[in-house]
Amino acid sequence: KILTDSTLSTLHWFALKVFYNKVFEIEDTLKKENIETYIPCEESLSQRGETKKVVRKPIINSLMFFRATDIQALEVQQRLLNRVILYAQKEGFRKVPFHIPDREMNIFMLVSSSGQSGLEYFEGDQERFYLGDRVRVTDGPFKDAEGHICRIRGSRRLIVTIRGVCAIATSYIPQCFLQRI
C-alpha cells in the first residue's frame, strides 16, 4: 500500500489495547484533543447508602477504539507509550496501524451499544467465527447488523467481528429475522 497525502489525512477507526484498565482515562485524554472515541460499555446502577448512580463499565477490559488519521494514530501511540498498544498489521517488514473499516465498526457499535442482555464478547478473533452462514438481521434490536451464524452453547447466535481485534455474539435471534447474504 502506498501512503499518499490523501491516505494519510483520511480518518479511520483504530483499536488500542490499554494497560491497567485505564480506558476512561485514555478516553478523556483523546477527547481533549477532539479525537472521537468508542468504548464498548454496559451501564449498571450502583448504590451507596442513599445515593444511586449509573456506572459505565467496559465490556472488554482494556479495549477502546478511536477515529483519527494514520499520523494522529502514530502520535497517540508515541505519546501514550507504556500505557497503550496500537493494533497494527504487518506490511512487508514493518508494522502499520490497523484500519478498521467504517462499515465493520458501525455494525459493531450498533450491536455492542444495543443495551440487550445476553451479549458475549471475545477478545481476539477466532477462525470459527467465519464458518457459519453470512447473514443480515432484518428486524428487532439488531436490525441491519451483519455477521456469521455460529452455535455457542447449543444456541445459534449472530457473531459480529472486528477482524483481528474482537468479536461479539448476540443473544438468540429468531430465524425469521435473518436473511442470508
Protein backbone atom coordinates (compact mmCIF):
# COMPACT_ATOMS: atom_id res chain seq x y z
CA LYS A 1 0.00 0.00 0.00
CA ILE A 2 1.42 3.36 -0.99
CA LEU A 3 0.95 6.15 1.53
CA THR A 4 -0.10 9.40 -0.09
CA ASP A 5 -1.18 12.73 1.39
CA SER A 6 -4.84 11.78 0.90
CA THR A 7 -4.49 8.40 2.66
CA LEU A 8 -2.54 9.99 5.50
CA SER A 9 -5.26 12.61 6.07
CA THR A 10 -8.23 10.22 5.86
CA LEU A 11 -9.98 9.34 9.12
CA HIS A 12 -10.03 5.65 10.07
CA TRP A 13 -11.04 3.67 13.13
CA PHE A 14 -8.18 2.18 15.15
CA ALA A 15 -8.09 -0.09 18.20
CA LEU A 16 -5.98 0.36 21.33
CA LYS A 17 -5.02 -2.19 23.95
CA VAL A 18 -4.97 -0.10 27.13
CA PHE A 19 -2.85 -1.18 30.09
CA TYR A 20 -4.02 -1.18 33.72
CA ASN A 21 -7.71 -0.90 32.66
CA LYS A 22 -7.38 2.88 32.27
CA VAL A 23 -9.68 3.13 29.24
CA PHE A 24 -11.68 6.06 30.63
CA GLU A 25 -8.50 8.00 31.44
CA ILE A 26 -7.21 7.46 27.88
CA GLU A 27 -10.67 8.35 26.52
CA ASP A 28 -10.55 11.70 28.38
CA THR A 29 -7.07 12.40 27.03
CA LEU A 30 -8.14 11.76 23.43
CA LYS A 31 -11.39 13.71 23.76
CA LYS A 32 -9.41 16.77 24.91
CA GLU A 33 -7.65 16.53 21.55
CA ASN A 34 -11.04 16.33 19.74
CA ILE A 35 -10.46 12.70 18.76
CA GLU A 36 -13.64 10.61 18.54
CA THR A 37 -13.56 7.53 20.78
CA TYR A 38 -15.69 4.46 21.41
CA ILE A 39 -15.53 2.08 24.35
CA PRO A 40 -17.94 -0.88 24.33
CA CYS A 41 -19.59 -0.46 27.74
CA GLU A 42 -22.54 -1.59 29.75
CA GLU A 43 -24.28 0.62 32.25
CA SER A 44 -25.32 -0.57 35.68
CA LEU A 45 -26.95 1.06 38.65
CA SER A 46 -24.65 1.46 41.64
CA GLN A 47 -25.94 2.31 45.09
CA ARG A 48 -24.01 3.51 48.13
CA GLY A 49 -26.27 4.26 51.02
CA GLU A 50 -28.99 6.55 49.69
CA THR A 51 -27.01 7.59 46.60
CA LYS A 52 -27.72 5.87 43.31
CA LYS A 53 -25.77 6.47 40.14
CA VAL A 54 -25.31 4.92 36.72
CA VAL A 55 -21.83 3.49 36.23
CA ARG A 56 -20.19 2.74 32.87
CA LYS A 57 -18.18 -0.47 32.83
CA PRO A 58 -16.05 -1.62 29.87
CA ILE A 59 -17.35 -4.87 28.43
CA ILE A 60 -13.97 -5.91 27.08
CA ASN A 61 -11.33 -4.85 29.58
CA SER A 62 -8.52 -2.77 28.17
CA LEU A 63 -10.01 -2.28 24.69
CA MET A 64 -11.02 1.01 23.13
CA PHE A 65 -11.38 2.46 19.65
CA PHE A 66 -10.65 5.89 18.22
CA ARG A 67 -11.09 7.64 14.88
CA ALA A 68 -8.11 9.52 13.54
CA THR A 69 -5.66 9.84 10.67
CA ASP A 70 -2.68 7.50 10.37
CA ILE A 71 -0.39 10.27 11.57
CA GLN A 72 -2.58 11.00 14.61
CA ALA A 73 -2.75 7.27 15.41
CA LEU A 74 1.05 7.00 15.40
CA GLU A 75 1.27 10.16 17.55
CA VAL A 76 -1.20 8.67 20.06
CA GLN A 77 0.94 5.52 20.24
CA GLN A 78 4.12 7.58 20.81
CA ARG A 79 2.57 9.98 23.32
CA LEU A 80 0.94 7.22 25.36
CA LEU A 81 3.88 4.84 25.18
CA ASN A 82 3.85 2.28 28.04
CA ARG A 83 0.11 2.95 28.54
CA VAL A 84 -1.35 1.63 25.26
CA ILE A 85 -0.53 -0.52 22.25
CA LEU A 86 -1.95 0.44 18.89
CA TYR A 87 -3.23 -2.61 16.98
CA ALA A 88 -1.05 -2.93 13.89
CA GLN A 89 -0.61 -5.20 10.89
CA LYS A 90 2.50 -6.25 9.03
CA GLU A 91 3.14 -4.80 5.62
CA GLY A 92 6.36 -6.17 4.28
CA PHE A 93 8.94 -5.84 7.04
CA ARG A 94 7.21 -3.10 9.03
CA LYS A 95 4.10 -2.68 11.11
CA VAL A 96 1.47 -0.10 10.17
CA PRO A 97 -1.63 0.96 12.13
CA PHE A 98 -4.54 -1.44 11.56
CA HIS A 99 -7.51 0.32 9.89
CA ILE A 100 -10.94 -0.91 10.94
CA PRO A 101 -13.39 -0.40 8.06
CA ASP A 102 -16.18 2.08 8.90
CA ARG A 103 -18.89 -0.43 7.97
CA GLU A 104 -17.41 -3.09 10.30
CA MET A 105 -17.08 -0.57 13.13
CA ASN A 106 -20.62 0.78 12.64
CA ILE A 107 -22.11 -2.72 12.85
CA PHE A 108 -20.02 -3.50 15.93
CA MET A 109 -21.18 -0.26 17.62
CA LEU A 110 -24.83 -1.00 16.68
CA VAL A 111 -24.69 -4.40 18.38
CA SER A 112 -22.46 -3.52 21.35
CA SER A 113 -24.45 -0.39 22.27
CA SER A 114 -27.88 -2.04 21.88
CA GLY A 115 -28.35 -2.47 25.62
CA GLN A 116 -29.61 -6.01 25.01
CA SER A 117 -28.82 -8.70 27.54
CA GLY A 118 -27.15 -11.96 26.59
CA LEU A 119 -24.31 -10.44 24.55
CA GLU A 120 -20.98 -12.24 24.82
CA TYR A 121 -17.62 -10.71 23.98
CA PHE A 122 -14.49 -12.46 22.87
CA GLU A 123 -11.04 -10.93 22.78
CA GLY A 124 -9.12 -11.82 19.70
CA ASP A 125 -10.64 -13.17 16.56
CA GLN A 126 -11.14 -16.89 16.05
CA GLU A 127 -11.40 -18.64 12.71
CA ARG A 128 -14.57 -20.47 13.80
CA PHE A 129 -16.44 -17.13 13.79
CA TYR A 130 -16.29 -17.13 9.97
CA LEU A 131 -17.53 -20.69 9.36
CA GLY A 132 -21.31 -20.16 9.52
CA ASP A 133 -23.64 -18.54 7.02
CA ARG A 134 -23.20 -14.80 6.48
CA VAL A 135 -26.48 -13.07 7.33
CA ARG A 136 -28.16 -9.70 7.80
CA VAL A 137 -30.68 -9.07 10.59
CA THR A 138 -33.93 -7.73 9.12
CA ASP A 139 -35.88 -6.82 12.29
CA GLY A 140 -35.56 -6.38 16.03
CA PRO A 141 -32.95 -4.52 18.11
CA PHE A 142 -30.07 -5.72 15.88
CA LYS A 143 -31.74 -4.71 12.60
CA ASP A 144 -29.17 -4.12 9.81
CA ALA A 145 -26.36 -5.88 11.70
CA GLU A 146 -24.37 -8.34 9.58
CA GLY A 147 -22.23 -11.24 10.65
CA HIS A 148 -21.92 -15.00 10.71
CA ILE A 149 -24.16 -17.55 12.39
CA CYS A 150 -22.31 -19.67 14.94
CA ARG A 151 -23.50 -22.20 17.51
CA ILE A 152 -22.47 -21.23 21.04
CA ARG A 153 -23.57 -23.36 23.97
CA GLY A 154 -26.22 -25.04 21.82
CA SER A 155 -27.80 -21.83 20.56
CA ARG A 156 -27.45 -20.22 17.15
CA ARG A 157 -26.07 -16.72 17.58
CA LEU A 158 -25.02 -13.87 15.29
CA ILE A 159 -21.28 -13.18 15.55
CA VAL A 160 -20.09 -9.68 14.64
CA THR A 161 -16.33 -9.36 14.38
CA ILE A 162 -13.70 -6.73 14.03
CA ARG A 163 -11.18 -8.88 12.22
CA GLY A 164 -8.02 -9.34 14.27
CA VAL A 165 -9.36 -7.44 17.32
CA CYS A 166 -12.51 -8.90 18.91
CA ALA A 167 -15.91 -10.47 18.36
CA ILE A 168 -19.35 -10.12 19.90
CA ALA A 169 -22.12 -12.73 19.96
CA THR A 170 -25.72 -11.56 20.18
CA SER A 171 -28.41 -13.28 22.15
CA TYR A 172 -30.72 -15.58 20.19
CA ILE A 173 -32.21 -14.05 17.04
CA PRO A 174 -35.31 -15.70 15.54
CA GLN A 175 -34.69 -17.39 12.18
CA CYS A 176 -37.40 -15.23 10.56
CA PHE A 177 -35.28 -12.10 11.31
CA LEU A 178 -32.26 -13.46 9.41
CA GLN A 179 -31.56 -13.05 5.70
CA ARG A 180 -28.68 -14.95 4.10
CA ILE A 181 -26.30 -12.68 2.14
